[in-house]
Amino acid sequence: METILGIFEQLAINGTVFIQLLVVFVIYFIGKFAFFGPLQNIIEERIEKTKKTETLARDLEDKVENLKAEYESKLEHTHKAVQQKKSEEKKKIEKEFEGLYRSNEEEINKKLEESKKKALEELEKQKLQILGQSKQLADDLVSKLQV
């Protein structure tokens, strides 16, 4: 026991050690309730808020992904509808132009036939005229040869 007392004396531990321990315990309990408890509460609230924020961020991210997928789906659907309408309009215009082309082609063919018919009639008239003149020239030639 003397060795323990010798060690206490070398460490300058005397009868005030119990008072010092009492002061340490009192400061510890005061610190626990006044500092450590509220600090622990603040840390726990911070952790809870962080978890809520992470959950909210995940939810918003999922919502954004869903909206993005919906937007892309609608965009694709709209693109297909526009392409289909464009194709239908193109076919409609092609049919209209085909009809106009056929109509104009028929008109042109009629005019061509009329022109051809007129040219043949004119040719026939000129042929008859030339034949008439050739007969007269032949008669004139025969009469000049007989003289």
C-alpha atoms as a PDB file:
ATOM      1  CA  MET A   1       0.000   0.000   0.000  1.00  0.00           C
ATOM      2  CA  GLU A   2       2.935   2.267   0.680  1.00  0.00           C
ATOM      3  CA  THR A   3       4.040   1.909  -2.885  1.00  0.00           C
ATOM      4  CA  ILE A   4       0.651   3.084  -4.062  1.00  0.00           C
ATOM      5  CA  LEU A   5       0.797   6.039  -1.676  1.00  0.00           C
ATOM      6  CA  GLY A   6       4.346   6.727  -2.926  1.00  0.00           C
ATOM      7  CA  ILE A   7       3.122   6.759  -6.489  1.00  0.00           C
ATOM      8  CA  PHE A   8       0.239   9.092  -5.519  1.00  0.00           C
ATOM      9  CA  GLU A   9       2.727  11.448  -3.821  1.00  0.00           C
ATOM     10  CA  GLN A  10       5.003  11.446  -6.865  1.00  0.00           C
ATOM     11  CA  LEU A  11       2.002  12.274  -9.064  1.00  0.00           C
ATOM     12  CA  ALA A  12       1.003  14.995  -6.601  1.00  0.00           C
ATOM     13  CA  ILE A  13      -2.296  13.283  -5.890  1.00  0.00           C
ATOM     14  CA  ASN A  14      -3.515  14.195  -2.457  1.00  0.00           C
ATOM     15  CA  GLY A  15      -6.856  14.438  -0.667  1.00  0.00           C
ATOM     16  CA  THR A  16      -8.261  16.807  -3.276  1.00  0.00           C
ATOM     17  CA  VAL A  17      -8.441  14.000  -5.814  1.00  0.00           C
ATOM     18  CA  PHE A  18     -11.991  13.182  -4.766  1.00  0.00           C
ATOM     19  CA  ILE A  19     -13.034  16.793  -5.173  1.00  0.00           C
ATOM     20  CA  GLN A  20     -11.334  16.859  -8.578  1.00  0.00           C
ATOM     21  CA  LEU A  21     -13.152  13.657  -9.590  1.00  0.00           C
ATOM     22  CA  LEU A  22     -16.415  15.159  -8.385  1.00  0.00           C
ATOM     23  CA  VAL A  23     -15.747  18.309 -10.421  1.00  0.00           C
ATOM     24  CA  VAL A  24     -14.916  16.205 -13.500  1.00  0.00           C
ATOM     25  CA  PHE A  25     -18.182  14.225 -13.122  1.00  0.00           C
ATOM     26  CA  VAL A  26     -20.214  17.388 -12.608  1.00  0.00           C
ATOM     27  CA  ILE A  27     -18.613  19.042 -15.663  1.00  0.00           C
ATOM     28  CA  TYR A  28     -19.148  15.860 -17.651  1.00  0.00           C
ATOM     29  CA  PHE A  29     -22.889  15.737 -16.797  1.00  0.00           C
ATOM     30  CA  ILE A  30     -23.319  19.445 -17.414  1.00  0.00           C
ATOM     31  CA  GLY A  31     -21.449  19.072 -20.713  1.00  0.00           C
ATOM     32  CA  LYS A  32     -23.518  16.014 -21.590  1.00  0.00           C
ATOM     33  CA  PHE A  33     -26.822  17.821 -21.123  1.00  0.00           C
ATOM     34  CA  ALA A  34     -25.731  21.286 -22.205  1.00  0.00           C
ATOM     35  CA  PHE A  35     -23.331  20.448 -25.066  1.00  0.00           C
ATOM     36  CA  PHE A  36     -23.103  16.790 -26.055  1.00  0.00           C
ATOM     37  CA  GLY A  37     -26.860  16.100 -25.998  1.00  0.00           C
ATOM     38  CA  PRO A  38     -27.826  19.035 -28.237  1.00  0.00           C
ATOM     39  CA  LEU A  39     -24.813  18.324 -30.452  1.00  0.00           C
ATOM     40  CA  GLN A  40     -25.938  14.708 -30.765  1.00  0.00           C
ATOM     41  CA  ASN A  41     -29.481  15.891 -31.599  1.00  0.00           C
ATOM     42  CA  ILE A  42     -28.134  18.287 -34.242  1.00  0.00           C
ATOM     43  CA  ILE A  43     -26.050  15.498 -35.781  1.00  0.00           C
ATOM     44  CA  GLU A  44     -29.027  13.109 -35.811  1.00  0.00           C
ATOM     45  CA  GLU A  45     -31.268  15.795 -37.369  1.00  0.00           C
ATOM     46  CA  ARG A  46     -28.607  16.463 -39.967  1.00  0.00           C
ATOM     47  CA  ILE A  47     -28.398  12.764 -40.790  1.00  0.00           C
ATOM     48  CA  GLU A  48     -32.205  12.549 -41.016  1.00  0.00           C
ATOM     49  CA  LYS A  49     -32.368  15.628 -43.269  1.00  0.00           C
ATOM     50  CA  THR A  50     -29.612  14.212 -45.433  1.00  0.00           C
ATOM     51  CA  LYS A  51     -31.512  10.942 -45.806  1.00  0.00           C
ATOM     52  CA  LYS A  52     -34.718  12.827 -46.656  1.00  0.00           C
ATOM     53  CA  THR A  53     -32.842  14.954 -49.180  1.00  0.00           C
ATOM     54  CA  GLU A  54     -31.285  11.874 -50.766  1.00  0.00           C
ATOM     55  CA  THR A  55     -34.711  10.211 -50.935  1.00  0.00           C
ATOM     56  CA  LEU A  56     -36.212  13.348 -52.438  1.00  0.00           C
ATOM     57  CA  ALA A  57     -33.352  13.562 -54.935  1.00  0.00           C
ATOM     58  CA  ARG A  58     -33.893   9.916 -55.958  1.00  0.00           C
ATOM     59  CA  ASP A  59     -37.635  10.520 -56.310  1.00  0.00           C
ATOM     60  CA  LEU A  60     -37.031  13.614 -58.420  1.00  0.00           C
ATOM     61  CA  GLU A  61     -34.482  11.743 -60.503  1.00  0.00           C
ATOM     62  CA  ASP A  62     -37.008   8.952 -61.098  1.00  0.00           C
ATOM     63  CA  LYS A  63     -39.640  11.532 -61.986  1.00  0.00           C
ATOM     64  CA  VAL A  64     -37.240  13.206 -64.409  1.00  0.00           C
ATOM     65  CA  GLU A  65     -36.451   9.845 -66.021  1.00  0.00           C
ATOM     66  CA  ASN A  66     -40.173   9.095 -66.357  1.00  0.00           C
ATOM     67  CA  LEU A  67     -40.847  12.517 -67.857  1.00  0.00           C
ATOM     68  CA  LYS A  68     -37.904  12.090 -70.208  1.00  0.00           C
ATOM     69  CA  ALA A  69     -39.178   8.690 -71.344  1.00  0.00           C
ATOM     70  CA  GLU A  70     -42.691  10.116 -71.781  1.00  0.00           C
ATOM     71  CA  TYR A  71     -41.316  13.084 -73.741  1.00  0.00           C
ATOM     72  CA  GLU A  72     -39.254  10.825 -76.001  1.00  0.00           C
ATOM     73  CA  SER A  73     -42.252   8.567 -76.537  1.00  0.00           C
ATOM     74  CA  LYS A  74     -44.485  11.508 -77.447  1.00  0.00           C
ATOM     75  CA  LEU A  75     -41.764  12.964 -79.652  1.00  0.00           C
ATOM     76  CA  GLU A  76     -41.381   9.659 -81.490  1.00  0.00           C
ATOM     77  CA  HIS A  77     -45.162   9.326 -81.849  1.00  0.00           C
ATOM     78  CA  THR A  78     -45.406  12.897 -83.155  1.00  0.00           C
ATOM     79  CA  HIS A  79     -42.522  12.301 -85.542  1.00  0.00           C
ATOM     80  CA  LYS A  80     -44.246   9.195 -86.920  1.00  0.00           C
ATOM     81  CA  ALA A  81     -47.539  11.072 -87.271  1.00  0.00           C
ATOM     82  CA  VAL A  82     -45.825  13.923 -89.111  1.00  0.00           C
ATOM     83  CA  GLN A  83     -44.036  11.471 -91.402  1.00  0.00           C
ATOM     84  CA  GLN A  84     -47.303   9.678 -92.124  1.00  0.00           C
ATOM     85  CA  LYS A  85     -49.124  12.956 -92.821  1.00  0.00           C
ATOM     86  CA  LYS A  86     -46.252  14.085 -95.023  1.00  0.00           C
ATOM     87  CA  SER A  87     -46.409  10.820 -96.944  1.00  0.00           C
ATOM     88  CA  GLU A  88     -50.187  11.119 -97.356  1.00  0.00           C
ATOM     89  CA  GLU A  89     -49.899  14.708 -98.559  1.00  0.00           C
ATOM     90  CA  LYS A  90     -47.160  13.716-100.981  1.00  0.00           C
ATOM     91  CA  LYS A  91     -49.324  10.921-102.411  1.00  0.00           C
ATOM     92  CA  LYS A  92     -52.278  13.297-102.687  1.00  0.00           C
ATOM     93  CA  ILE A  93     -50.198  15.884-104.555  1.00  0.00           C
ATOM     94  CA  GLU A  94     -48.740  13.178-106.796  1.00  0.00           C
ATOM     95  CA  LYS A  95     -52.262  12.007-107.658  1.00  0.00           C
ATOM     96  CA  GLU A  96     -53.332  15.577-108.416  1.00  0.00           C
ATOM     97  CA  PHE A  97     -50.329  16.141-110.663  1.00  0.00           C
ATOM     98  CA  GLU A  98     -50.834  12.756-112.291  1.00  0.00           C
ATOM     99  CA  GLY A  99     -54.441  13.752-113.052  1.00  0.00           C
ATOM    100  CA  LEU A 100     -53.325  17.118-114.433  1.00  0.00           C
ATOM    101  CA  TYR A 101     -50.628  15.414-116.442  1.00  0.00           C
ATOM    102  CA  ARG A 102     -53.106  12.928-117.925  1.00  0.00           C
ATOM    103  CA  SER A 103     -55.581  15.717-118.649  1.00  0.00           C
ATOM    104  CA  ASN A 104     -52.919  17.865-120.319  1.00  0.00           C
ATOM    105  CA  GLU A 105     -51.569  14.865-122.173  1.00  0.00           C
ATOM    106  CA  GLU A 106     -55.023  14.127-123.572  1.00  0.00           C
ATOM    107  CA  GLU A 107     -55.446  17.779-124.580  1.00  0.00           C
ATOM    108  CA  ILE A 108     -52.054  17.832-126.245  1.00  0.00           C
ATOM    109  CA  ASN A 109     -52.794  14.560-128.038  1.00  0.00           C
ATOM    110  CA  LYS A 110     -56.128  15.971-129.280  1.00  0.00           C
ATOM    111  CA  LYS A 111     -54.443  19.148-130.515  1.00  0.00           C
ATOM    112  CA  LEU A 112     -51.699  17.080-132.118  1.00  0.00           C
ATOM    113  CA  GLU A 113     -54.258  14.904-133.876  1.00  0.00           C
ATOM    114  CA  GLU A 114     -56.162  17.989-135.054  1.00  0.00           C
ATOM    115  CA  SER A 115     -52.937  19.578-136.311  1.00  0.00           C
ATOM    116  CA  LYS A 116     -51.964  16.341-137.999  1.00  0.00           C
ATOM    117  CA  LYS A 117     -55.407  16.062-139.587  1.00  0.00           C
ATOM    118  CA  LYS A 118     -55.268  19.690-140.785  1.00  0.00           C
ATOM    119  CA  ALA A 119     -51.752  19.161-142.158  1.00  0.00           C
ATOM    120  CA  LEU A 120     -52.904  16.021-144.011  1.00  0.00           C
ATOM    121  CA  GLU A 121     -55.917  17.871-145.406  1.00  0.00           C
ATOM    122  CA  GLU A 122     -53.678  20.752-146.513  1.00  0.00           C
ATOM    123  CA  LEU A 123     -51.260  18.280-148.030  1.00  0.00           C
ATOM    124  CA  GLU A 124     -54.117  16.565-149.828  1.00  0.00           C
ATOM    125  CA  LYS A 125     -55.380  19.918-151.158  1.00  0.00           C
ATOM    126  CA  GLN A 126     -51.916  20.868-152.344  1.00  0.00           C
ATOM    127  CA  LYS A 127     -51.521  17.405-153.889  1.00  0.00           C
ATOM    128  CA  LEU A 128     -54.795  17.787-155.763  1.00  0.00           C
ATOM    129  CA  GLN A 129     -53.802  21.281-156.833  1.00  0.00           C
ATOM    130  CA  ILE A 130     -50.410  20.068-158.044  1.00  0.00           C
ATOM    131  CA  LEU A 131     -52.061  17.170-159.849  1.00  0.00           C
ATOM    132  CA  GLY A 132     -54.469  19.626-161.463  1.00  0.00           C
ATOM    133  CA  GLN A 133     -51.602  21.878-162.471  1.00  0.00           C
ATOM    134  CA  SER A 134     -49.584  18.916-163.709  1.00  0.00           C
ATOM    135  CA  LYS A 135     -52.516  17.803-165.864  1.00  0.00           C
ATOM    136  CA  GLN A 136     -52.787  21.320-167.289  1.00  0.00           C
ATOM    137  CA  LEU A 137     -49.005  21.454-167.822  1.00  0.00           C
ATOM    138  CA  ALA A 138     -49.144  18.076-169.510  1.00  0.00           C
ATOM    139  CA  ASP A 139     -51.963  19.284-171.751  1.00  0.00           C
ATOM    140  CA  ASP A 140     -50.000  22.470-172.545  1.00  0.00           C
ATOM    141  CA  LEU A 141     -46.936  20.428-173.310  1.00  0.00           C
ATOM    142  CA  VAL A 142     -48.854  18.065-175.564  1.00  0.00           C
ATOM    143  CA  SER A 143     -50.408  20.999-177.398  1.00  0.00           C
ATOM    144  CA  LYS A 144     -47.010  22.685-177.859  1.00  0.00           C
ATOM    145  CA  LEU A 145     -45.516  19.452-179.116  1.00  0.00           C
ATOM    146  CA  GLN A 146     -48.291  19.137-181.693  1.00  0.00           C
ATOM    147  CA  VAL A 147     -47.746  22.547-183.078  1.00  0.00           C
END
